Structure formats: structure tokens, C-alpha cells
Amino acid sequence: MVSKGGVKVLKGEVAFFHDVKKYGFIQPEDADEDEDDLFFHISDVDGEEIQEGDDVEFETEESEDGPKAANVEVL
């Protein structure tokens, strides 16, 4: 975990990305086995290029369905 301007920035890997529907899930680097991967939409990605297996940095925020990844940046 890194802190940028007081905001927690986590690292992880894109575990799944649906090219057509433009959403996916990130497995956080330090996640326990029983923790869920975090949902993200392409609109949460800095840039338009992302694919399964990419290493990423991201923040988390609450949504109606629970925590999700936000401000996703491909490393």
C-alpha cells in the first residue's frame, strides 16, 4: 500500500476483464484468500487500455454493491 496525498493507493492484478462489456475485477496484492476481488469499470481506468494480468494501482470507494476499485492505473 502506498499513500499519495493522504489517499491509500493499493496494488493488485487484473484477474478478469470483459472486453465487450468493459468491466472487470482486480485481485488486491495483499488480499486474503477469502476476500473478494474488487469490481471496476473501464470509466474507472486512467486511459483506455487494460487487460487480464495487468499490474495496477488503485484506490477503493464504496458503491451500492460494496467496495469497488477507483482511479485504476496500469503499471
PDB file of N, CA and C in Angstrom:
ATOM      1  N   MET A   1       0.854  -1.174   0.000  1.00  0.00           N
ATOM      2  CA  MET A   1       0.000   0.000   0.000  1.00  0.00           C
ATOM      3  C   MET A   1       0.896   1.233   0.000  1.00  0.00           C
ATOM      4  N   VAL A   2       0.546   2.186  -0.829  1.00  0.00           N
ATOM      5  CA  VAL A   2       1.265   3.448  -0.961  1.00  0.00           C
ATOM      6  C   VAL A   2       0.289   4.555  -0.603  1.00  0.00           C
ATOM      7  N   SER A   3       0.795   5.670  -0.131  1.00  0.00           N
ATOM      8  CA  SER A   3      -0.079   6.801   0.171  1.00  0.00           C
ATOM      9  C   SER A   3       0.302   7.957  -0.739  1.00  0.00           C
ATOM     10  N   LYS A   4      -0.660   8.436  -1.509  1.00  0.00           N
ATOM     11  CA  LYS A   4      -0.445   9.577  -2.393  1.00  0.00           C
ATOM     12  C   LYS A   4      -1.361  10.699  -1.943  1.00  0.00           C
ATOM     13  N   GLY A   5      -0.784  11.734  -1.362  1.00  0.00           N
ATOM     14  CA  GLY A   5      -1.589  12.863  -0.923  1.00  0.00           C
ATOM     15  C   GLY A   5      -2.615  12.482   0.128  1.00  0.00           C
ATOM     16  N   GLY A   6      -2.272  11.520   1.001  1.00  0.00           N
ATOM     17  CA  GLY A   6      -3.185  11.112   2.049  1.00  0.00           C
ATOM     18  C   GLY A   6      -4.212  10.077   1.630  1.00  0.00           C
ATOM     19  N   VAL A   7      -4.200   9.665   0.367  1.00  0.00           N
ATOM     20  CA  VAL A   7      -5.140   8.659  -0.132  1.00  0.00           C
ATOM     21  C   VAL A   7      -4.412   7.323  -0.221  1.00  0.00           C
ATOM     22  N   LYS A   8      -5.038   6.257   0.304  1.00  0.00           N
ATOM     23  CA  LYS A   8      -4.436   4.929   0.226  1.00  0.00           C
ATOM     24  C   LYS A   8      -4.508   4.414  -1.209  1.00  0.00           C
ATOM     25  N   VAL A   9      -3.357   4.090  -1.760  1.00  0.00           N
ATOM     26  CA  VAL A   9      -3.285   3.520  -3.093  1.00  0.00           C
ATOM     27  C   VAL A   9      -2.807   2.082  -2.955  1.00  0.00           C
ATOM     28  N   LEU A  10      -3.616   1.156  -3.448  1.00  0.00           N
ATOM     29  CA  LEU A  10      -3.304  -0.264  -3.355  1.00  0.00           C
ATOM     30  C   LEU A  10      -2.760  -0.770  -4.680  1.00  0.00           C
ATOM     31  N   LYS A  11      -2.095  -1.916  -4.624  1.00  0.00           N
ATOM     32  CA  LYS A  11      -1.611  -2.572  -5.837  1.00  0.00           C
ATOM     33  C   LYS A  11      -2.332  -3.897  -5.985  1.00  0.00           C
ATOM     34  N   GLY A  12      -2.448  -4.348  -7.225  1.00  0.00           N
ATOM     35  CA  GLY A  12      -3.083  -5.621  -7.489  1.00  0.00           C
ATOM     36  C   GLY A  12      -2.909  -6.029  -8.934  1.00  0.00           C
ATOM     37  N   GLU A  13      -3.643  -7.056  -9.315  1.00  0.00           N
ATOM     38  CA  GLU A  13      -3.578  -7.588 -10.677  1.00  0.00           C
ATOM     39  C   GLU A  13      -4.994  -7.748 -11.214  1.00  0.00           C
ATOM     40  N   VAL A  14      -5.169  -7.425 -12.487  1.00  0.00           N
ATOM     41  CA  VAL A  14      -6.473  -7.605 -13.128  1.00  0.00           C
ATOM     42  C   VAL A  14      -6.701  -9.108 -13.277  1.00  0.00           C
ATOM     43  N   ALA A  15      -7.679  -9.620 -12.540  1.00  0.00           N
ATOM     44  CA  ALA A  15      -7.980 -11.051 -12.553  1.00  0.00           C
ATOM     45  C   ALA A  15      -8.922 -11.419 -13.686  1.00  0.00           C
ATOM     46  N   PHE A  16      -9.762 -10.454 -14.093  1.00  0.00           N
ATOM     47  CA  PHE A  16     -10.745 -10.691 -15.155  1.00  0.00           C
ATOM     48  C   PHE A  16     -11.086  -9.361 -15.788  1.00  0.00           C
ATOM     49  N   PHE A  17     -11.235  -9.350 -17.117  1.00  0.00           N
ATOM     50  CA  PHE A  17     -11.728  -8.154 -17.806  1.00  0.00           C
ATOM     51  C   PHE A  17     -12.568  -8.590 -18.995  1.00  0.00           C
ATOM     52  N   HIS A  18     -13.790  -8.075 -19.086  1.00  0.00           N
ATOM     53  CA  HIS A  18     -14.711  -8.382 -20.179  1.00  0.00           C
ATOM     54  C   HIS A  18     -14.565  -7.288 -21.234  1.00  0.00           C
ATOM     55  N   ASP A  19     -13.942  -7.625 -22.364  1.00  0.00           N
ATOM     56  CA  ASP A  19     -13.654  -6.639 -23.421  1.00  0.00           C
ATOM     57  C   ASP A  19     -14.900  -5.977 -23.985  1.00  0.00           C
ATOM     58  N   VAL A  20     -15.997  -6.712 -24.089  1.00  0.00           N
ATOM     59  CA  VAL A  20     -17.208  -6.174 -24.701  1.00  0.00           C
ATOM     60  C   VAL A  20     -17.979  -5.298 -23.719  1.00  0.00           C
ATOM     61  N   LYS A  21     -18.172  -5.789 -22.516  1.00  0.00           N
ATOM     62  CA  LYS A  21     -18.962  -5.041 -21.521  1.00  0.00           C
ATOM     63  C   LYS A  21     -18.126  -4.030 -20.739  1.00  0.00           C
ATOM     64  N   LYS A  22     -16.808  -4.098 -20.888  1.00  0.00           N
ATOM     65  CA  LYS A  22     -15.890  -3.095 -20.322  1.00  0.00           C
ATOM     66  C   LYS A  22     -15.900  -3.031 -18.800  1.00  0.00           C
ATOM     67  N   TYR A  23     -15.946  -4.183 -18.142  1.00  0.00           N
ATOM     68  CA  TYR A  23     -15.819  -4.225 -16.693  1.00  0.00           C
ATOM     69  C   TYR A  23     -14.890  -5.381 -16.324  1.00  0.00           C
ATOM     70  N   GLY A  24     -14.425  -5.363 -15.087  1.00  0.00           N
ATOM     71  CA  GLY A  24     -13.553  -6.437 -14.654  1.00  0.00           C
ATOM     72  C   GLY A  24     -13.409  -6.463 -13.148  1.00  0.00           C
ATOM     73  N   PHE A  25     -12.448  -7.289 -12.702  1.00  0.00           N
ATOM     74  CA  PHE A  25     -12.191  -7.453 -11.283  1.00  0.00           C
ATOM     75  C   PHE A  25     -10.682  -7.434 -11.040  1.00  0.00           C
ATOM     76  N   ILE A  26     -10.300  -6.807  -9.941  1.00  0.00           N
ATOM     77  CA  ILE A  26      -8.895  -6.713  -9.541  1.00  0.00           C
ATOM     78  C   ILE A  26      -8.694  -7.530  -8.280  1.00  0.00           C
ATOM     79  N   GLN A  27      -7.638  -8.343  -8.278  1.00  0.00           N
ATOM     80  CA  GLN A  27      -7.251  -9.074  -7.074  1.00  0.00           C
ATOM     81  C   GLN A  27      -6.195  -8.226  -6.361  1.00  0.00           C
ATOM     82  N   PRO A  28      -6.537  -7.668  -5.198  1.00  0.00           N
ATOM     83  CA  PRO A  28      -5.566  -6.861  -4.465  1.00  0.00           C
ATOM     84  C   PRO A  28      -4.341  -7.684  -4.078  1.00  0.00           C
ATOM     85  N   GLU A  29      -3.174  -7.035  -4.085  1.00  0.00           N
ATOM     86  CA  GLU A  29      -1.901  -7.696  -3.821  1.00  0.00           C
ATOM     87  C   GLU A  29      -1.871  -8.394  -2.461  1.00  0.00           C
ATOM     88  N   ASP A  30      -2.370  -7.759  -1.432  1.00  0.00           N
ATOM     89  CA  ASP A  30      -2.290  -8.298  -0.078  1.00  0.00           C
ATOM     90  C   ASP A  30      -3.601  -8.908   0.402  1.00  0.00           C
ATOM     91  N   ALA A  31      -4.451  -9.347  -0.513  1.00  0.00           N
ATOM     92  CA  ALA A  31      -5.775  -9.873  -0.149  1.00  0.00           C
ATOM     93  C   ALA A  31      -5.662 -11.261   0.470  1.00  0.00           C
ATOM     94  N   ASP A  32      -6.538 -11.514   1.437  1.00  0.00           N
ATOM     95  CA  ASP A  32      -6.665 -12.861   1.994  1.00  0.00           C
ATOM     96  C   ASP A  32      -7.402 -13.725   0.979  1.00  0.00           C
ATOM     97  N   GLU A  33      -7.269 -15.041   1.120  1.00  0.00           N
ATOM     98  CA  GLU A  33      -7.924 -15.960   0.184  1.00  0.00           C
ATOM     99  C   GLU A  33      -9.438 -15.799   0.169  1.00  0.00           C
ATOM    100  N   ASP A  34     -10.019 -15.435   1.314  1.00  0.00           N
ATOM    101  CA  ASP A  34     -11.472 -15.338   1.392  1.00  0.00           C
ATOM    102  C   ASP A  34     -12.003 -13.947   1.012  1.00  0.00           C
ATOM    103  N   GLU A  35     -11.112 -13.007   0.681  1.00  0.00           N
ATOM    104  CA  GLU A  35     -11.553 -11.672   0.263  1.00  0.00           C
ATOM    105  C   GLU A  35     -11.965 -11.688  -1.203  1.00  0.00           C
ATOM    106  N   ASP A  36     -13.028 -10.942  -1.508  1.00  0.00           N
ATOM    107  CA  ASP A  36     -13.495 -10.844  -2.884  1.00  0.00           C
ATOM    108  C   ASP A  36     -12.595  -9.919  -3.694  1.00  0.00           C
ATOM    109  N   ASP A  37     -12.506 -10.198  -4.991  1.00  0.00           N
ATOM    110  CA  ASP A  37     -11.841  -9.274  -5.898  1.00  0.00           C
ATOM    111  C   ASP A  37     -12.696  -8.014  -6.010  1.00  0.00           C
ATOM    112  N   LEU A  38     -12.088  -6.903  -6.398  1.00  0.00           N
ATOM    113  CA  LEU A  38     -12.798  -5.629  -6.490  1.00  0.00           C
ATOM    114  C   LEU A  38     -13.247  -5.345  -7.914  1.00  0.00           C
ATOM    115  N   PHE A  39     -14.498  -4.990  -8.057  1.00  0.00           N
ATOM    116  CA  PHE A  39     -15.092  -4.631  -9.351  1.00  0.00           C
ATOM    117  C   PHE A  39     -14.511  -3.303  -9.833  1.00  0.00           C
ATOM    118  N   PHE A  40     -14.377  -3.163 -11.159  1.00  0.00           N
ATOM    119  CA  PHE A  40     -14.085  -1.860 -11.765  1.00  0.00           C
ATOM    120  C   PHE A  40     -14.729  -1.802 -13.141  1.00  0.00           C
ATOM    121  N   HIS A  41     -14.985  -0.599 -13.605  1.00  0.00           N
ATOM    122  CA  HIS A  41     -15.490  -0.355 -14.952  1.00  0.00           C
ATOM    123  C   HIS A  41     -14.421   0.414 -15.702  1.00  0.00           C
ATOM    124  N   ILE A  42     -14.407   0.318 -17.024  1.00  0.00           N
ATOM    125  CA  ILE A  42     -13.391   0.997 -17.834  1.00  0.00           C
ATOM    126  C   ILE A  42     -13.360   2.503 -17.543  1.00  0.00           C
ATOM    127  N   SER A  43     -14.483   3.085 -17.122  1.00  0.00           N
ATOM    128  CA  SER A  43     -14.510   4.508 -16.799  1.00  0.00           C
ATOM    129  C   SER A  43     -13.695   4.820 -15.540  1.00  0.00           C
ATOM    130  N   ASP A  44     -13.339   3.787 -14.753  1.00  0.00           N
ATOM    131  CA  ASP A  44     -12.504   3.967 -13.563  1.00  0.00           C
ATOM    132  C   ASP A  44     -11.017   3.870 -13.889  1.00  0.00           C
ATOM    133  N   VAL A  45     -10.685   3.583 -15.157  1.00  0.00           N
ATOM    134  CA  VAL A  45      -9.299   3.354 -15.570  1.00  0.00           C
ATOM    135  C   VAL A  45      -8.720   4.619 -16.182  1.00  0.00           C
ATOM    136  N   ASP A  46      -7.483   4.942 -15.762  1.00  0.00           N
ATOM    137  CA  ASP A  46      -6.756   6.071 -16.329  1.00  0.00           C
ATOM    138  C   ASP A  46      -6.207   5.620 -17.680  1.00  0.00           C
ATOM    139  N   GLY A  47      -6.864   5.996 -18.766  1.00  0.00           N
ATOM    140  CA  GLY A  47      -6.530   5.518 -20.101  1.00  0.00           C
ATOM    141  C   GLY A  47      -7.564   4.500 -20.546  1.00  0.00           C
ATOM    142  N   GLU A  48      -7.417   3.991 -21.723  1.00  0.00           N
ATOM    143  CA  GLU A  48      -8.409   3.067 -22.280  1.00  0.00           C
ATOM    144  C   GLU A  48      -7.879   1.646 -22.431  1.00  0.00           C
ATOM    145  N   GLU A  49      -6.627   1.411 -22.087  1.00  0.00           N
ATOM    146  CA  GLU A  49      -6.021   0.099 -22.301  1.00  0.00           C
ATOM    147  C   GLU A  49      -5.855  -0.642 -20.985  1.00  0.00           C
ATOM    148  N   ILE A  50      -6.485  -1.801 -20.879  1.00  0.00           N
ATOM    149  CA  ILE A  50      -6.307  -2.669 -19.718  1.00  0.00           C
ATOM    150  C   ILE A  50      -6.667  -4.084 -20.141  1.00  0.00           C
ATOM    151  N   GLN A  51      -5.987  -5.064 -19.560  1.00  0.00           N
ATOM    152  CA  GLN A  51      -6.285  -6.449 -19.894  1.00  0.00           C
ATOM    153  C   GLN A  51      -5.965  -7.354 -18.711  1.00  0.00           C
ATOM    154  N   GLU A  52      -6.480  -8.565 -18.759  1.00  0.00           N
ATOM    155  CA  GLU A  52      -6.219  -9.537 -17.698  1.00  0.00           C
ATOM    156  C   GLU A  52      -4.721  -9.706 -17.527  1.00  0.00           C
ATOM    157  N   GLY A  53      -4.299  -9.778 -16.274  1.00  0.00           N
ATOM    158  CA  GLY A  53      -2.888  -9.974 -15.964  1.00  0.00           C
ATOM    159  C   GLY A  53      -2.117  -8.687 -15.747  1.00  0.00           C
ATOM    160  N   ASP A  54      -2.703  -7.533 -16.105  1.00  0.00           N
ATOM    161  CA  ASP A  54      -2.014  -6.259 -15.889  1.00  0.00           C
ATOM    162  C   ASP A  54      -1.856  -5.988 -14.400  1.00  0.00           C
ATOM    163  N   ASP A  55      -0.679  -5.477 -14.029  1.00  0.00           N
ATOM    164  CA  ASP A  55      -0.471  -4.976 -12.669  1.00  0.00           C
ATOM    165  C   ASP A  55      -1.013  -3.561 -12.625  1.00  0.00           C
ATOM    166  N   VAL A  56      -1.714  -3.234 -11.539  1.00  0.00           N
ATOM    167  CA  VAL A  56      -2.370  -1.932 -11.424  1.00  0.00           C
ATOM    168  C   VAL A  56      -2.201  -1.346 -10.024  1.00  0.00           C
ATOM    169  N   GLU A  57      -2.346  -0.030  -9.947  1.00  0.00           N
ATOM    170  CA  GLU A  57      -2.520   0.684  -8.687  1.00  0.00           C
ATOM    171  C   GLU A  57      -3.926   1.238  -8.708  1.00  0.00           C
ATOM    172  N   PHE A  58      -4.549   1.315  -7.534  1.00  0.00           N
ATOM    173  CA  PHE A  58      -5.932   1.780  -7.487  1.00  0.00           C
ATOM    174  C   PHE A  58      -6.287   2.226  -6.079  1.00  0.00           C
ATOM    175  N   GLU A  59      -7.373   2.964  -5.992  1.00  0.00           N
ATOM    176  CA  GLU A  59      -7.963   3.344  -4.719  1.00  0.00           C
ATOM    177  C   GLU A  59      -9.255   2.546  -4.585  1.00  0.00           C
ATOM    178  N   THR A  60      -9.837   2.545  -3.410  1.00  0.00           N
ATOM    179  CA  THR A  60     -11.138   1.913  -3.251  1.00  0.00           C
ATOM    180  C   THR A  60     -12.162   2.948  -2.814  1.00  0.00           C
ATOM    181  N   GLU A  61     -13.398   2.702  -3.202  1.00  0.00           N
ATOM    182  CA  GLU A  61     -14.507   3.556  -2.771  1.00  0.00           C
ATOM    183  C   GLU A  61     -15.734   2.675  -2.598  1.00  0.00           C
ATOM    184  N   GLU A  62     -16.681   3.164  -1.829  1.00  0.00           N
ATOM    185  CA  GLU A  62     -17.917   2.427  -1.603  1.00  0.00           C
ATOM    186  C   GLU A  62     -18.899   2.672  -2.749  1.00  0.00           C
ATOM    187  N   SER A  63     -19.618   1.625  -3.110  1.00  0.00           N
ATOM    188  CA  SER A  63     -20.686   1.726  -4.095  1.00  0.00           C
ATOM    189  C   SER A  63     -21.931   1.081  -3.482  1.00  0.00           C
ATOM    190  N   GLU A  64     -23.024   1.098  -4.212  1.00  0.00           N
ATOM    191  CA  GLU A  64     -24.253   0.460  -3.723  1.00  0.00           C
ATOM    192  C   GLU A  64     -24.058  -1.028  -3.457  1.00  0.00           C
ATOM    193  N   ASP A  65     -23.125  -1.645  -4.194  1.00  0.00           N
ATOM    194  CA  ASP A  65     -22.891  -3.083  -4.077  1.00  0.00           C
ATOM    195  C   ASP A  65     -21.683  -3.431  -3.225  1.00  0.00           C
ATOM    196  N   GLY A  66     -21.112  -2.451  -2.525  1.00  0.00           N
ATOM    197  CA  GLY A  66     -19.926  -2.700  -1.698  1.00  0.00           C
ATOM    198  C   GLY A  66     -18.711  -2.002  -2.264  1.00  0.00           C
ATOM    199  N   PRO A  67     -17.528  -2.328  -1.748  1.00  0.00           N
ATOM    200  CA  PRO A  67     -16.318  -1.648  -2.203  1.00  0.00           C
ATOM    201  C   PRO A  67     -16.000  -1.963  -3.668  1.00  0.00           C
ATOM    202  N   LYS A  68     -15.431  -0.970  -4.361  1.00  0.00           N
ATOM    203  CA  LYS A  68     -15.010  -1.154  -5.755  1.00  0.00           C
ATOM    204  C   LYS A  68     -13.715  -0.400  -5.970  1.00  0.00           C
ATOM    205  N   ALA A  69     -13.013  -0.743  -7.022  1.00  0.00           N
ATOM    206  CA  ALA A  69     -11.767  -0.064  -7.370  1.00  0.00           C
ATOM    207  C   ALA A  69     -12.080   1.236  -8.098  1.00  0.00           C
ATOM    208  N   ALA A  70     -11.284   2.264  -7.847  1.00  0.00           N
ATOM    209  CA  ALA A  70     -11.438   3.562  -8.494  1.00  0.00           C
ATOM    210  C   ALA A  70     -10.055   4.093  -8.840  1.00  0.00           C
ATOM    211  N   ASN A  71      -9.997   5.012  -9.791  1.00  0.00           N
ATOM    212  CA  ASN A  71      -8.727   5.636 -10.201  1.00  0.00           C
ATOM    213  C   ASN A  71      -7.668   4.569 -10.490  1.00  0.00           C
ATOM    214  N   VAL A  72      -8.040   3.609 -11.323  1.00  0.00           N
ATOM    215  CA  VAL A  72      -7.159   2.479 -11.657  1.00  0.00           C
ATOM    216  C   VAL A  72      -6.108   2.941 -12.668  1.00  0.00           C
ATOM    217  N   GLU A  73      -4.858   2.624 -12.371  1.00  0.00           N
ATOM    218  CA  GLU A  73      -3.741   2.990 -13.250  1.00  0.00           C
ATOM    219  C   GLU A  73      -2.918   1.752 -13.552  1.00  0.00           C
ATOM    220  N   VAL A  74      -2.739   1.446 -14.830  1.00  0.00           N
ATOM    221  CA  VAL A  74      -1.924   0.306 -15.236  1.00  0.00           C
ATOM    222  C   VAL A  74      -0.460   0.648 -15.021  1.00  0.00           C
ATOM    223  N   LEU A  75       0.267  -0.277 -14.424  1.00  0.00           N
ATOM    224  CA  LEU A  75       1.706  -0.048 -14.161  1.00  0.00           C
ATOM    225  C   LEU A  75       2.548  -0.536 -15.313  1.00  0.00           C
TER     226      LEU A  75
END
